[in-house]
C-alpha atoms as a PDB file:
ATOM      1  CA  MET A   1      22.765 -83.036  34.897  1.00  0.00           C
ATOM      2  CA  GLY A   2      18.897 -82.500  34.826  1.00  0.00           C
ATOM      3  CA  LYS A   3      17.125 -79.841  33.119  1.00  0.00           C
ATOM      4  CA  MET A   4      16.108 -78.205  36.369  1.00  0.00           C
ATOM      5  CA  ASP A   5      19.668 -77.922  37.366  1.00  0.00           C
ATOM      6  CA  GLU A   6      20.836 -76.550  34.127  1.00  0.00           C
ATOM      7  CA  ILE A   7      18.231 -73.865  34.150  1.00  0.00           C
ATOM      8  CA  LYS A   8      19.232 -73.052  37.960  1.00  0.00           C
ATOM      9  CA  GLU A   9      22.893 -72.711  36.760  1.00  0.00           C
ATOM     10  CA  GLU A  10      21.729 -70.285  33.972  1.00  0.00           C
ATOM     11  CA  ILE A  11      19.772 -68.181  36.466  1.00  0.00           C
ATOM     12  CA  GLY A  12      22.850 -68.171  38.820  1.00  0.00           C
ATOM     13  CA  TRP A  13      24.951 -66.975  35.795  1.00  0.00           C
ATOM     14  CA  LEU A  14      22.401 -64.280  34.847  1.00  0.00           C
ATOM     15  CA  LYS A  15      22.319 -63.056  38.427  1.00  0.00           C
ATOM     16  CA  LEU A  16      26.097 -62.717  38.622  1.00  0.00           C
ATOM     17  CA  TRP A  17      25.973 -60.448  35.479  1.00  0.00           C
ATOM     18  CA  LEU A  18      22.843 -58.590  36.770  1.00  0.00           C
ATOM     19  CA  GLY A  19      24.677 -57.783  39.739  1.00  0.00           C
ATOM     20  CA  ILE A  20      27.863 -56.619  38.113  1.00  0.00           C
ATOM     21  CA  LEU A  21      25.873 -54.424  35.605  1.00  0.00           C
ATOM     22  CA  ILE A  22      23.863 -52.805  38.356  1.00  0.00           C
ATOM     23  CA  VAL A  23      26.915 -51.885  40.407  1.00  0.00           C
ATOM     24  CA  THR A  24      28.598 -50.609  37.283  1.00  0.00           C
ATOM     25  CA  MET A  25      25.558 -48.582  36.258  1.00  0.00           C
ATOM     26  CA  PHE A  26      25.199 -46.930  39.793  1.00  0.00           C
ATOM     27  CA  SER A  27      29.130 -46.251  39.819  1.00  0.00           C
ATOM     28  CA  MET A  28      28.694 -44.423  36.487  1.00  0.00           C
ATOM     29  CA  ILE A  29      25.893 -42.342  37.911  1.00  0.00           C
ATOM     30  CA  GLY A  30      27.967 -41.464  41.039  1.00  0.00           C
ATOM     31  CA  TRP A  31      30.916 -40.673  38.919  1.00  0.00           C
ATOM     32  CA  GLY A  32      28.862 -38.290  36.580  1.00  0.00           C
ATOM     33  CA  ILE A  33      27.462 -36.602  39.532  1.00  0.00           C
ATOM     34  CA  SER A  34      30.694 -36.072  41.302  1.00  0.00           C
ATOM     35  CA  HIS A  35      32.288 -34.714  38.297  1.00  0.00           C
ATOM     36  CA  ILE A  36      29.473 -32.673  36.769  1.00  0.00           C
ATOM     37  CA  GLY A  37      31.352 -29.381  37.201  1.00  0.00           C
ATOM     38  CA  SER A  38      34.880 -30.386  36.272  1.00  0.00           C
ATOM     39  CA  ILE A  39      34.439 -32.411  32.944  1.00  0.00           C
ATOM     40  CA  SER A  40      33.175 -31.464  29.553  1.00  0.00           C
ATOM     41  CA  ASN A  41      29.600 -31.875  28.476  1.00  0.00           C
ATOM     42  CA  GLY A  42      30.530 -34.543  25.958  1.00  0.00           C
ATOM     43  CA  MET A  43      31.836 -36.649  28.666  1.00  0.00           C
ATOM     44  CA  LEU A  44      28.714 -36.288  30.603  1.00  0.00           C
ATOM     45  CA  TRP A  45      26.593 -37.086  27.628  1.00  0.00           C
ATOM     46  CA  LEU A  46      28.641 -40.306  27.035  1.00  0.00           C
ATOM     47  CA  ASP A  47      28.317 -41.252  30.641  1.00  0.00           C
ATOM     48  CA  GLY A  48      24.541 -40.651  30.364  1.00  0.00           C
ATOM     49  CA  ILE A  49      24.338 -42.773  27.204  1.00  0.00           C
ATOM     50  CA  ALA A  50      26.314 -45.543  28.849  1.00  0.00           C
ATOM     51  CA  VAL A  51      24.106 -45.528  31.899  1.00  0.00           C
ATOM     52  CA  VAL A  52      20.958 -45.864  29.522  1.00  0.00           C
ATOM     53  CA  ILE A  53      22.492 -48.749  27.540  1.00  0.00           C
ATOM     54  CA  ILE A  54      23.450 -50.555  30.771  1.00  0.00           C
ATOM     55  CA  ALA A  55      20.020 -49.981  32.131  1.00  0.00           C
ATOM     56  CA  GLY A  56      18.556 -51.575  28.844  1.00  0.00           C
ATOM     57  CA  ILE A  57      20.816 -54.538  29.219  1.00  0.00           C
ATOM     58  CA  VAL A  58      19.931 -54.927  33.005  1.00  0.00           C
ATOM     59  CA  ALA A  59      16.211 -54.811  32.005  1.00  0.00           C
ATOM     60  CA  ARG A  60      16.878 -57.606  29.339  1.00  0.00           C
ATOM     61  CA  ILE A  61      18.878 -59.796  31.640  1.00  0.00           C
ATOM     62  CA  ASN A  62      15.935 -59.394  34.296  1.00  0.00           C
ATOM     63  CA  PHE A  63      13.430 -60.272  31.652  1.00  0.00           C
ATOM     64  CA  VAL A  64      15.366 -63.446  30.669  1.00  0.00           C
ATOM     65  CA  ALA A  65      15.875 -64.522  34.393  1.00  0.00           C
ATOM     66  CA  ILE A  66      12.276 -64.112  35.057  1.00  0.00           C
ATOM     67  CA  LYS A  67      11.259 -66.187  32.095  1.00  0.00           C
ATOM     68  CA  LYS A  68      13.582 -68.939  33.221  1.00  0.00           C
ATOM     69  CA  ILE A  69      12.454 -68.942  36.727  1.00  0.00           C
ATOM     70  CA  ARG A  70       8.742 -69.245  35.558  1.00  0.00           C
ATOM     71  CA  SER A  71       9.725 -72.069  33.287  1.00  0.00           C
ATOM     72  CA  LEU A  72      10.876 -74.071  36.519  1.00  0.00           C
ATOM     73  CA  LYS A  73       7.251 -74.232  37.314  1.00  0.00           C
ATOM     74  CA  ASP A  74       6.636 -76.529  34.168  1.00  0.00           C
ATOM     75  CA  LEU A  75       9.281 -78.997  35.242  1.00  0.00           C
END
């Protein structure tokens, strides 16, 4: 497998995880909003913290994917 094909496979794998994490993040936001009056403040804080952590991971994966896409120009 050539170097370009290898990078394309890695980008595809990153896109998969990026999509899964984005769906998870928005689901958690929706869950928090829909249960805002019926759960404890601690659960809301945990939900918010998890959303922030997942957003950070999404940003990191996005940065790595963009870096790999830009590296394709050099090949």
